[in-house]
C-alpha atoms as a PDB file:
ATOM      1  CA  UNK A   1     -13.956  10.371 -14.384  1.00  0.00           C
ATOM      2  CA  UNK A   2     -15.424   7.255 -12.753  1.00  0.00           C
ATOM      3  CA  UNK A   3     -12.611   5.419 -10.927  1.00  0.00           C
ATOM      4  CA  UNK A   4     -12.907   1.911  -9.514  1.00  0.00           C
ATOM      5  CA  UNK A   5     -10.863   1.280  -6.349  1.00  0.00           C
ATOM      6  CA  UNK A   6     -10.347  -2.396  -5.586  1.00  0.00           C
ATOM      7  CA  UNK A   7      -9.933  -2.833  -1.849  1.00  0.00           C
ATOM      8  CA  UNK A   8     -11.864   0.415  -1.555  1.00  0.00           C
ATOM      9  CA  UNK A   9     -12.963  -0.186   2.048  1.00  0.00           C
ATOM     10  CA  UNK A  10      -9.442  -0.968   3.200  1.00  0.00           C
ATOM     11  CA  UNK A  11      -6.716   1.164   4.741  1.00  0.00           C
ATOM     12  CA  UNK A  12      -5.227   2.768   1.618  1.00  0.00           C
ATOM     13  CA  UNK A  13      -8.508   2.552  -0.283  1.00  0.00           C
ATOM     14  CA  UNK A  14     -10.320   4.680   2.278  1.00  0.00           C
ATOM     15  CA  UNK A  15      -7.857   7.554   1.994  1.00  0.00           C
ATOM     16  CA  UNK A  16      -7.626   7.174  -1.790  1.00  0.00           C
ATOM     17  CA  UNK A  17     -11.402   7.528  -2.026  1.00  0.00           C
ATOM     18  CA  UNK A  18     -11.258  10.780  -0.075  1.00  0.00           C
ATOM     19  CA  UNK A  19      -8.400  12.132  -2.207  1.00  0.00           C
ATOM     20  CA  UNK A  20     -10.242  11.260  -5.418  1.00  0.00           C
ATOM     21  CA  UNK A  21     -13.364  13.071  -4.240  1.00  0.00           C
ATOM     22  CA  UNK A  22     -11.273  16.115  -3.353  1.00  0.00           C
ATOM     23  CA  UNK A  23      -9.905  16.144  -6.916  1.00  0.00           C
ATOM     24  CA  UNK A  24     -13.354  15.899  -8.512  1.00  0.00           C
ATOM     25  CA  UNK A  25     -13.259  12.193  -9.444  1.00  0.00           C
ATOM     26  CA  UNK A  26     -16.146   9.784  -8.863  1.00  0.00           C
ATOM     27  CA  UNK A  27     -14.797   6.812  -6.860  1.00  0.00           C
ATOM     28  CA  UNK A  28     -16.550   3.448  -6.994  1.00  0.00           C
ATOM     29  CA  UNK A  29     -15.480   1.059  -4.250  1.00  0.00           C
ATOM     30  CA  UNK A  30     -15.086  -2.690  -4.642  1.00  0.00           C
ATOM     31  CA  UNK A  31     -14.347  -4.787  -1.558  1.00  0.00           C
ATOM     32  CA  UNK A  32     -15.058  -8.294  -0.293  1.00  0.00           C
ATOM     33  CA  UNK A  33     -14.774  -7.071   3.340  1.00  0.00           C
ATOM     34  CA  UNK A  34     -12.439  -9.860   4.414  1.00  0.00           C
ATOM     35  CA  UNK A  35      -9.938  -7.198   5.511  1.00  0.00           C
ATOM     36  CA  UNK A  36     -11.803  -4.023   4.525  1.00  0.00           C
ATOM     37  CA  UNK A  37     -14.203  -2.538   7.062  1.00  0.00           C
ATOM     38  CA  UNK A  38     -17.782  -1.310   6.791  1.00  0.00           C
ATOM     39  CA  UNK A  39     -16.711   1.414   9.242  1.00  0.00           C
ATOM     40  CA  UNK A  40     -14.697   2.930   6.369  1.00  0.00           C
ATOM     41  CA  UNK A  41     -17.781   3.250   4.164  1.00  0.00           C
ATOM     42  CA  UNK A  42     -19.874   6.436   4.243  1.00  0.00           C
ATOM     43  CA  UNK A  43     -23.528   6.827   3.332  1.00  0.00           C
ATOM     44  CA  UNK A  44     -22.775   8.653   0.081  1.00  0.00           C
ATOM     45  CA  UNK A  45     -20.167   6.131  -1.103  1.00  0.00           C
ATOM     46  CA  UNK A  46     -20.808   3.933  -4.110  1.00  0.00           C
ATOM     47  CA  UNK A  47     -19.822   0.528  -2.742  1.00  0.00           C
ATOM     48  CA  UNK A  48     -19.983  -2.886  -4.380  1.00  0.00           C
ATOM     49  CA  UNK A  49     -19.464  -5.987  -2.288  1.00  0.00           C
ATOM     50  CA  UNK A  50     -17.490  -8.303  -4.534  1.00  0.00           C
ATOM     51  CA  UNK A  51     -14.264 -10.224  -5.003  1.00  0.00           C
ATOM     52  CA  UNK A  52     -11.548  -9.556  -7.582  1.00  0.00           C
ATOM     53  CA  UNK A  53     -11.460 -13.306  -8.310  1.00  0.00           C
ATOM     54  CA  UNK A  54     -15.142 -13.383  -9.265  1.00  0.00           C
ATOM     55  CA  UNK A  55     -15.495 -13.869 -13.055  1.00  0.00           C
ATOM     56  CA  UNK A  56     -18.977 -12.300 -13.029  1.00  0.00           C
ATOM     57  CA  UNK A  57     -17.689  -8.852 -11.991  1.00  0.00           C
ATOM     58  CA  UNK A  58     -17.966  -7.493 -15.512  1.00  0.00           C
ATOM     59  CA  UNK A  59     -21.756  -7.736 -15.498  1.00  0.00           C
ATOM     60  CA  UNK A  60     -21.903  -6.101 -12.063  1.00  0.00           C
ATOM     61  CA  UNK A  61     -19.597  -3.203 -12.988  1.00  0.00           C
ATOM     62  CA  UNK A  62     -20.680  -2.500 -16.560  1.00  0.00           C
ATOM     63  CA  UNK A  63     -23.459  -0.029 -15.623  1.00  0.00           C
ATOM     64  CA  UNK A  64     -21.002   2.241 -13.761  1.00  0.00           C
ATOM     65  CA  UNK A  65     -19.076   3.501 -16.808  1.00  0.00           C
ATOM     66  CA  UNK A  66     -15.679   2.893 -15.215  1.00  0.00           C
ATOM     67  CA  UNK A  67     -12.872   4.809 -16.946  1.00  0.00           C
ATOM     68  CA  UNK A  68      -9.956   3.999 -14.638  1.00  0.00           C
ATOM     69  CA  UNK A  69      -8.992   1.361 -12.073  1.00  0.00           C
ATOM     70  CA  UNK A  70      -6.780   1.802  -9.031  1.00  0.00           C
ATOM     71  CA  UNK A  71      -5.966  -1.784  -8.076  1.00  0.00           C
ATOM     72  CA  UNK A  72      -5.172  -1.924  -4.351  1.00  0.00           C
ATOM     73  CA  UNK A  73      -6.755  -5.245  -3.323  1.00  0.00           C
ATOM     74  CA  UNK A  74      -3.981  -7.717  -2.460  1.00  0.00           C
ATOM     75  CA  UNK A  75      -2.354 -10.010   0.046  1.00  0.00           C
ATOM     76  CA  UNK A  76       0.227  -7.684   1.652  1.00  0.00           C
ATOM     77  CA  UNK A  77       1.879  -9.653   4.462  1.00  0.00           C
ATOM     78  CA  UNK A  78       5.402 -11.025   3.948  1.00  0.00           C
ATOM     79  CA  UNK A  79       5.065 -13.674   6.722  1.00  0.00           C
ATOM     80  CA  UNK A  80       1.692 -14.790   5.322  1.00  0.00           C
ATOM     81  CA  UNK A  81       3.207 -15.120   1.864  1.00  0.00           C
ATOM     82  CA  UNK A  82       5.971 -17.327   3.281  1.00  0.00           C
ATOM     83  CA  UNK A  83       3.468 -19.464   5.206  1.00  0.00           C
ATOM     84  CA  UNK A  84       1.021 -19.783   2.287  1.00  0.00           C
ATOM     85  CA  UNK A  85       2.595 -18.879  -1.055  1.00  0.00           C
ATOM     86  CA  UNK A  86      -0.264 -20.433  -3.030  1.00  0.00           C
ATOM     87  CA  UNK A  87      -2.762 -18.073  -1.422  1.00  0.00           C
ATOM     88  CA  UNK A  88      -0.412 -15.145  -2.056  1.00  0.00           C
ATOM     89  CA  UNK A  89      -0.078 -16.165  -5.707  1.00  0.00           C
ATOM     90  CA  UNK A  90      -3.824 -16.519  -6.199  1.00  0.00           C
ATOM     91  CA  UNK A  91      -4.822 -13.241  -4.586  1.00  0.00           C
ATOM     92  CA  UNK A  92      -2.016 -11.164  -6.073  1.00  0.00           C
ATOM     93  CA  UNK A  93      -1.234 -12.662  -9.477  1.00  0.00           C
ATOM     94  CA  UNK A  94      -4.560 -14.216 -10.475  1.00  0.00           C
ATOM     95  CA  UNK A  95      -6.445 -11.302  -8.910  1.00  0.00           C
ATOM     96  CA  UNK A  96      -4.417  -8.780 -10.906  1.00  0.00           C
ATOM     97  CA  UNK A  97      -4.773 -10.680 -14.189  1.00  0.00           C
ATOM     98  CA  UNK A  98      -8.526 -10.854 -13.696  1.00  0.00           C
ATOM     99  CA  UNK A  99      -8.643  -7.102 -13.073  1.00  0.00           C
ATOM    100  CA  UNK A 100      -6.613  -6.507 -16.235  1.00  0.00           C
ATOM    101  CA  UNK A 101      -9.062  -8.604 -18.234  1.00  0.00           C
ATOM    102  CA  UNK A 102     -11.869  -6.623 -16.650  1.00  0.00           C
ATOM    103  CA  UNK A 103     -10.145  -3.378 -17.658  1.00  0.00           C
ATOM    104  CA  UNK A 104      -9.970  -4.567 -21.258  1.00  0.00           C
ATOM    105  CA  UNK A 105     -13.590  -5.703 -21.352  1.00  0.00           C
ATOM    106  CA  UNK A 106     -14.817  -2.410 -19.860  1.00  0.00           C
ATOM    107  CA  UNK A 107     -12.614  -0.288 -22.182  1.00  0.00           C
ATOM    108  CA  UNK A 108     -10.830   1.278 -19.210  1.00  0.00           C
ATOM    109  CA  UNK A 109      -8.424   4.093 -20.118  1.00  0.00           C
ATOM    110  CA  UNK A 110      -5.998   3.907 -17.157  1.00  0.00           C
ATOM    111  CA  UNK A 111      -4.843   1.149 -14.811  1.00  0.00           C
ATOM    112  CA  UNK A 112      -2.956   2.085 -11.625  1.00  0.00           C
ATOM    113  CA  UNK A 113      -1.272  -0.829  -9.886  1.00  0.00           C
ATOM    114  CA  UNK A 114      -0.158  -0.816  -6.243  1.00  0.00           C
ATOM    115  CA  UNK A 115       3.271  -2.471  -6.065  1.00  0.00           C
ATOM    116  CA  UNK A 116       5.873  -2.468  -3.326  1.00  0.00           C
ATOM    117  CA  UNK A 117       9.497  -1.853  -2.351  1.00  0.00           C
ATOM    118  CA  UNK A 118       9.655  -5.614  -1.681  1.00  0.00           C
ATOM    119  CA  UNK A 119      10.206  -6.246  -5.408  1.00  0.00           C
ATOM    120  CA  UNK A 120      13.784  -4.942  -5.077  1.00  0.00           C
ATOM    121  CA  UNK A 121      14.805  -7.491  -2.458  1.00  0.00           C
ATOM    122  CA  UNK A 122      18.011  -7.113  -0.478  1.00  0.00           C
ATOM    123  CA  UNK A 123      19.718  -4.406  -2.492  1.00  0.00           C
ATOM    124  CA  UNK A 124      21.671  -1.993  -0.329  1.00  0.00           C
ATOM    125  CA  UNK A 125      22.261   0.584  -3.084  1.00  0.00           C
ATOM    126  CA  UNK A 126      19.795   2.841  -1.331  1.00  0.00           C
ATOM    127  CA  UNK A 127      17.983   4.989  -2.102  1.00  0.00           C
ATOM    128  CA  UNK A 128      16.851   2.605  -4.856  1.00  0.00           C
ATOM    129  CA  UNK A 129      15.911   3.906  -8.279  1.00  0.00           C
ATOM    130  CA  UNK A 130      13.334   2.293 -10.551  1.00  0.00           C
ATOM    131  CA  UNK A 131      15.996   0.817 -12.848  1.00  0.00           C
ATOM    132  CA  UNK A 132      17.511  -1.453 -10.184  1.00  0.00           C
ATOM    133  CA  UNK A 133      17.288  -5.209 -10.699  1.00  0.00           C
ATOM    134  CA  UNK A 134      14.310  -6.917  -9.045  1.00  0.00           C
ATOM    135  CA  UNK A 135      15.452  -9.696  -6.708  1.00  0.00           C
ATOM    136  CA  UNK A 136      12.574 -10.258  -4.254  1.00  0.00           C
ATOM    137  CA  UNK A 137      13.334 -12.434  -1.230  1.00  0.00           C
ATOM    138  CA  UNK A 138       9.820 -13.605  -0.288  1.00  0.00           C
ATOM    139  CA  UNK A 139       6.748 -14.838  -2.200  1.00  0.00           C
ATOM    140  CA  UNK A 140       5.014 -11.497  -1.613  1.00  0.00           C
ATOM    141  CA  UNK A 141       7.707  -9.597  -3.506  1.00  0.00           C
ATOM    142  CA  UNK A 142       7.789 -12.297  -6.196  1.00  0.00           C
ATOM    143  CA  UNK A 143       4.036 -12.061  -6.765  1.00  0.00           C
ATOM    144  CA  UNK A 144       4.106  -8.274  -6.951  1.00  0.00           C
ATOM    145  CA  UNK A 145       7.039  -8.286  -9.375  1.00  0.00           C
ATOM    146  CA  UNK A 146       5.136 -10.786 -11.533  1.00  0.00           C
ATOM    147  CA  UNK A 147       2.080  -8.539 -11.431  1.00  0.00           C
ATOM    148  CA  UNK A 148       4.156  -5.589 -12.615  1.00  0.00           C
ATOM    149  CA  UNK A 149       5.178  -7.531 -15.716  1.00  0.00           C
ATOM    150  CA  UNK A 150       1.596  -8.596 -16.376  1.00  0.00           C
ATOM    151  CA  UNK A 151       0.398  -5.004 -16.043  1.00  0.00           C
ATOM    152  CA  UNK A 152       2.987  -3.509 -18.402  1.00  0.00           C
ATOM    153  CA  UNK A 153       2.696  -6.268 -21.024  1.00  0.00           C
ATOM    154  CA  UNK A 154      -1.111  -6.466 -20.934  1.00  0.00           C
ATOM    155  CA  UNK A 155      -1.710  -2.735 -20.954  1.00  0.00           C
ATOM    156  CA  UNK A 156       0.729  -2.116 -23.795  1.00  0.00           C
ATOM    157  CA  UNK A 157      -0.847  -4.911 -25.848  1.00  0.00           C
ATOM    158  CA  UNK A 158      -4.352  -3.560 -25.277  1.00  0.00           C
ATOM    159  CA  UNK A 159      -3.681   0.189 -25.488  1.00  0.00           C
ATOM    160  CA  UNK A 160      -4.495   0.830 -21.819  1.00  0.00           C
ATOM    161  CA  UNK A 161      -2.590   3.544 -19.967  1.00  0.00           C
ATOM    162  CA  UNK A 162      -0.865   2.302 -16.826  1.00  0.00           C
ATOM    163  CA  UNK A 163       1.071   3.451 -13.785  1.00  0.00           C
ATOM    164  CA  UNK A 164       2.902   1.001 -11.535  1.00  0.00           C
ATOM    165  CA  UNK A 165       3.538   2.550  -8.122  1.00  0.00           C
ATOM    166  CA  UNK A 166       6.159   0.949  -5.901  1.00  0.00           C
ATOM    167  CA  UNK A 167       5.138   2.068  -2.427  1.00  0.00           C
ATOM    168  CA  UNK A 168       7.550   2.244   0.460  1.00  0.00           C
ATOM    169  CA  UNK A 169       6.202   1.375   3.918  1.00  0.00           C
ATOM    170  CA  UNK A 170       2.781   2.946   4.408  1.00  0.00           C
ATOM    171  CA  UNK A 171       1.434   3.877   7.837  1.00  0.00           C
ATOM    172  CA  UNK A 172      -1.357   5.953   9.331  1.00  0.00           C
ATOM    173  CA  UNK A 173      -4.795   5.850  10.989  1.00  0.00           C
ATOM    174  CA  UNK A 174      -7.062   2.881  10.155  1.00  0.00           C
ATOM    175  CA  UNK A 175      -4.055   0.676   9.425  1.00  0.00           C
ATOM    176  CA  UNK A 176      -4.109  -3.037  10.227  1.00  0.00           C
ATOM    177  CA  UNK A 177      -1.129  -5.007  11.486  1.00  0.00           C
ATOM    178  CA  UNK A 178      -0.470  -6.620   8.089  1.00  0.00           C
ATOM    179  CA  UNK A 179       2.143  -5.414   5.624  1.00  0.00           C
ATOM    180  CA  UNK A 180       5.542  -3.797   6.136  1.00  0.00           C
ATOM    181  CA  UNK A 181       4.242  -0.463   7.445  1.00  0.00           C
ATOM    182  CA  UNK A 182       2.170  -2.415   9.967  1.00  0.00           C
ATOM    183  CA  UNK A 183       5.130  -2.335  12.346  1.00  0.00           C
ATOM    184  CA  UNK A 184       4.031   1.174  13.360  1.00  0.00           C
ATOM    185  CA  UNK A 185       0.522  -0.062  14.120  1.00  0.00           C
ATOM    186  CA  UNK A 186       1.923  -3.015  16.094  1.00  0.00           C
ATOM    187  CA  UNK A 187       4.282  -0.803  18.090  1.00  0.00           C
ATOM    188  CA  UNK A 188       1.577   1.756  18.859  1.00  0.00           C
ATOM    189  CA  UNK A 189      -0.893  -0.904  20.009  1.00  0.00           C
ATOM    190  CA  UNK A 190       1.707  -2.298  22.399  1.00  0.00           C
ATOM    191  CA  UNK A 191       2.704   1.107  23.725  1.00  0.00           C
ATOM    192  CA  UNK A 192      -0.921   2.146  24.225  1.00  0.00           C
ATOM    193  CA  UNK A 193      -1.414  -0.974  26.352  1.00  0.00           C
ATOM    194  CA  UNK A 194       1.839  -0.486  28.283  1.00  0.00           C
ATOM    195  CA  UNK A 195       3.314  -3.682  26.847  1.00  0.00           C
ATOM    196  CA  UNK A 196       6.923  -4.206  25.691  1.00  0.00           C
ATOM    197  CA  UNK A 197       7.521  -4.114  21.945  1.00  0.00           C
ATOM    198  CA  UNK A 198       9.188  -7.010  20.129  1.00  0.00           C
ATOM    199  CA  UNK A 199      11.732  -6.179  17.417  1.00  0.00           C
ATOM    200  CA  UNK A 200      12.810  -8.877  14.967  1.00  0.00           C
ATOM    201  CA  UNK A 201      16.569  -8.913  14.516  1.00  0.00           C
ATOM    202  CA  UNK A 202      18.903  -6.243  15.879  1.00  0.00           C
ATOM    203  CA  UNK A 203      16.730  -3.230  15.001  1.00  0.00           C
ATOM    204  CA  UNK A 204      19.366  -1.911  12.626  1.00  0.00           C
ATOM    205  CA  UNK A 205      17.238  -2.808   9.611  1.00  0.00           C
ATOM    206  CA  UNK A 206      15.964   0.281   7.828  1.00  0.00           C
ATOM    207  CA  UNK A 207      12.699   1.302   6.219  1.00  0.00           C
ATOM    208  CA  UNK A 208      11.288   4.288   4.371  1.00  0.00           C
ATOM    209  CA  UNK A 209       7.910   5.163   5.901  1.00  0.00           C
ATOM    210  CA  UNK A 210       5.295   7.239   4.114  1.00  0.00           C
ATOM    211  CA  UNK A 211       2.028   8.578   5.495  1.00  0.00           C
ATOM    212  CA  UNK A 212      -1.144   7.163   3.954  1.00  0.00           C
ATOM    213  CA  UNK A 213      -2.497  10.548   2.859  1.00  0.00           C
ATOM    214  CA  UNK A 214       0.648  11.086   0.772  1.00  0.00           C
ATOM    215  CA  UNK A 215       0.052   7.690  -0.863  1.00  0.00           C
ATOM    216  CA  UNK A 216      -3.593   8.577  -1.557  1.00  0.00           C
ATOM    217  CA  UNK A 217      -2.565  11.773  -3.328  1.00  0.00           C
ATOM    218  CA  UNK A 218       0.002   9.811  -5.336  1.00  0.00           C
ATOM    219  CA  UNK A 219      -2.703   7.399  -6.466  1.00  0.00           C
ATOM    220  CA  UNK A 220      -4.690  10.365  -7.786  1.00  0.00           C
ATOM    221  CA  UNK A 221      -1.653  11.871  -9.506  1.00  0.00           C
ATOM    222  CA  UNK A 222      -0.896   8.509 -11.139  1.00  0.00           C
ATOM    223  CA  UNK A 223      -4.108   8.771 -13.153  1.00  0.00           C
ATOM    224  CA  UNK A 224      -2.596  11.627 -15.167  1.00  0.00           C
ATOM    225  CA  UNK A 225       1.080  10.714 -15.630  1.00  0.00           C
ATOM    226  CA  UNK A 226       2.625   8.956 -18.606  1.00  0.00           C
ATOM    227  CA  UNK A 227       2.895   5.170 -18.573  1.00  0.00           C
ATOM    228  CA  UNK A 228       5.663   3.755 -16.414  1.00  0.00           C
ATOM    229  CA  UNK A 229       6.982   2.516 -13.081  1.00  0.00           C
ATOM    230  CA  UNK A 230       7.383   4.964 -10.206  1.00  0.00           C
ATOM    231  CA  UNK A 231       8.670   4.815  -6.637  1.00  0.00           C
ATOM    232  CA  UNK A 232       6.354   6.505  -4.148  1.00  0.00           C
ATOM    233  CA  UNK A 233       8.155   7.162  -0.890  1.00  0.00           C
ATOM    234  CA  UNK A 234       9.395   9.688   1.638  1.00  0.00           C
ATOM    235  CA  UNK A 235      12.978   8.935   0.520  1.00  0.00           C
ATOM    236  CA  UNK A 236      14.030   8.991   4.186  1.00  0.00           C
ATOM    237  CA  UNK A 237      15.783   5.908   5.568  1.00  0.00           C
ATOM    238  CA  UNK A 238      15.301   5.185   9.276  1.00  0.00           C
ATOM    239  CA  UNK A 239      16.293   2.216  11.440  1.00  0.00           C
ATOM    240  CA  UNK A 240      13.629   0.295  13.341  1.00  0.00           C
ATOM    241  CA  UNK A 241      15.468   1.230  16.556  1.00  0.00           C
ATOM    242  CA  UNK A 242      15.195   4.946  15.748  1.00  0.00           C
ATOM    243  CA  UNK A 243      11.568   4.499  14.730  1.00  0.00           C
ATOM    244  CA  UNK A 244      10.841   2.927  18.103  1.00  0.00           C
ATOM    245  CA  UNK A 245      12.591   5.766  19.937  1.00  0.00           C
ATOM    246  CA  UNK A 246      10.453   8.357  18.123  1.00  0.00           C
ATOM    247  CA  UNK A 247       7.267   6.450  18.889  1.00  0.00           C
ATOM    248  CA  UNK A 248       8.126   5.772  22.533  1.00  0.00           C
ATOM    249  CA  UNK A 249       8.974   9.456  23.006  1.00  0.00           C
ATOM    250  CA  UNK A 250       5.690  10.507  21.411  1.00  0.00           C
ATOM    251  CA  UNK A 251       3.792   8.117  23.711  1.00  0.00           C
ATOM    252  CA  UNK A 252       5.786   9.099  26.811  1.00  0.00           C
ATOM    253  CA  UNK A 253       6.918   5.504  27.282  1.00  0.00           C
ATOM    254  CA  UNK A 254      10.200   4.359  28.857  1.00  0.00           C
ATOM    255  CA  UNK A 255       9.684   0.683  28.005  1.00  0.00           C
ATOM    256  CA  UNK A 256      12.663  -1.012  26.360  1.00  0.00           C
ATOM    257  CA  UNK A 257      12.072  -3.201  23.299  1.00  0.00           C
ATOM    258  CA  UNK A 258      12.606  -6.969  23.348  1.00  0.00           C
ATOM    259  CA  UNK A 259      14.755  -8.349  20.518  1.00  0.00           C
ATOM    260  CA  UNK A 260      14.136 -11.649  18.747  1.00  0.00           C
ATOM    261  CA  UNK A 261      15.251 -13.624  15.709  1.00  0.00           C
ATOM    262  CA  UNK A 262      15.003 -11.974  12.261  1.00  0.00           C
ATOM    263  CA  UNK A 263      11.909 -12.879  10.213  1.00  0.00           C
ATOM    264  CA  UNK A 264      12.283 -15.082   7.152  1.00  0.00           C
ATOM    265  CA  UNK A 265      12.041 -13.091   3.933  1.00  0.00           C
ATOM    266  CA  UNK A 266      12.611  -9.688   5.546  1.00  0.00           C
ATOM    267  CA  UNK A 267      14.750  -7.111   3.728  1.00  0.00           C
ATOM    268  CA  UNK A 268      17.491  -5.501   5.851  1.00  0.00           C
ATOM    269  CA  UNK A 269      17.736  -2.083   4.175  1.00  0.00           C
ATOM    270  CA  UNK A 270      14.958  -0.374   2.226  1.00  0.00           C
ATOM    271  CA  UNK A 271      14.660   3.189   0.969  1.00  0.00           C
ATOM    272  CA  UNK A 272      13.256   4.360  -2.355  1.00  0.00           C
ATOM    273  CA  UNK A 273      14.299   7.309  -4.498  1.00  0.00           C
ATOM    274  CA  UNK A 274      11.115   9.258  -5.327  1.00  0.00           C
ATOM    275  CA  UNK A 275      12.572  11.847  -7.726  1.00  0.00           C
ATOM    276  CA  UNK A 276      11.124  10.339 -10.900  1.00  0.00           C
ATOM    277  CA  UNK A 277       7.531  10.545  -9.717  1.00  0.00           C
ATOM    278  CA  UNK A 278       8.064  13.979  -8.196  1.00  0.00           C
ATOM    279  CA  UNK A 279       9.476  15.289 -11.463  1.00  0.00           C
ATOM    280  CA  UNK A 280       6.732  13.885 -13.673  1.00  0.00           C
ATOM    281  CA  UNK A 281       3.801  14.941 -11.499  1.00  0.00           C
ATOM    282  CA  UNK A 282       2.858  17.678  -9.069  1.00  0.00           C
ATOM    283  CA  UNK A 283       3.140  15.195  -6.184  1.00  0.00           C
ATOM    284  CA  UNK A 284       5.569  15.263  -3.296  1.00  0.00           C
ATOM    285  CA  UNK A 285       5.368  13.827   0.253  1.00  0.00           C
ATOM    286  CA  UNK A 286       4.036  16.422   2.675  1.00  0.00           C
ATOM    287  CA  UNK A 287       3.744  14.676   6.053  1.00  0.00           C
ATOM    288  CA  UNK A 288       6.907  14.135   8.106  1.00  0.00           C
ATOM    289  CA  UNK A 289       7.334  10.887  10.046  1.00  0.00           C
ATOM    290  CA  UNK A 290       7.030  12.673  13.400  1.00  0.00           C
ATOM    291  CA  UNK A 291       3.868  14.516  12.359  1.00  0.00           C
ATOM    292  CA  UNK A 292       2.401  11.374  10.826  1.00  0.00           C
ATOM    293  CA  UNK A 293       3.031   9.317  13.954  1.00  0.00           C
ATOM    294  CA  UNK A 294       1.609  12.109  16.104  1.00  0.00           C
ATOM    295  CA  UNK A 295      -1.605  12.184  14.033  1.00  0.00           C
ATOM    296  CA  UNK A 296      -1.852   8.394  14.034  1.00  0.00           C
ATOM    297  CA  UNK A 297      -1.461   8.319  17.822  1.00  0.00           C
ATOM    298  CA  UNK A 298      -4.071  11.059  18.212  1.00  0.00           C
ATOM    299  CA  UNK A 299      -6.633   9.182  16.158  1.00  0.00           C
ATOM    300  CA  UNK A 300      -5.885   5.850  17.838  1.00  0.00           C
ATOM    301  CA  UNK A 301      -6.336   7.427  21.278  1.00  0.00           C
ATOM    302  CA  UNK A 302      -9.549   9.058  20.109  1.00  0.00           C
ATOM    303  CA  UNK A 303     -10.857   5.683  18.900  1.00  0.00           C
ATOM    304  CA  UNK A 304      -9.874   4.118  22.233  1.00  0.00           C
ATOM    305  CA  UNK A 305     -11.825   6.770  24.144  1.00  0.00           C
ATOM    306  CA  UNK A 306     -14.923   6.170  21.998  1.00  0.00           C
ATOM    307  CA  UNK A 307     -15.002   2.438  22.743  1.00  0.00           C
END
């Protein structure tokens, strides 16, 4: 199966490409390289430099015989969405609708959409199941929730299979500082440089972190499951304070964090129930938080030594 990955040269796209190849799929990468990196592209990759907002994409992609789309390209930063909601709306909502129209015009069989825990908003009935009400607190969550409705309505109307994956907080090597999981990248960068870490709020806010390779495998599994909405998570709630302690211990740092004001639009508690996706597929998270942080640190230190 030929699978288009939007944002294919980005953080999650890079690992998804590798997972697809391991499962015998033929990934085709689409990226505008505004946040994706050429360093993530290998010589044998099929890569198309293009933008999801470009109406001429159909003509570019038609020769590739695309049968499925994994739509990862998006604006993923909560603070950026608060600062510029129009940009967030254009990239996320318009970008997704254009990719859905592309899927219809190319007779795509399956559409996998990357959503987020942010669609649930401040709901403390954790771990959250897929049936909970969506009450997003920032434009980012609003745009992703809107995209979910577009995906389900459009795909059902046009007989396209679809999987909507609500990711918890993704982390791992090659990550940027944007997005919810980016806190791990930010903390590690500071600790590597011997600088104090800033924590917004009291550090009691919780998150559910999942290693990027587990997400990549979930993206592959989503190509084969029945239509629906699925949480993809570790289902393990941890406070930011405890996260920092694990990371500082792993780095051998005794630096104390510096606390500041909470960020606008941030959710206080977040943890997703992953049982539905586990039960309907062969997927389950395999990398513990400690092991994932250890591997991320190892690769970051290796990259530092090479520069």
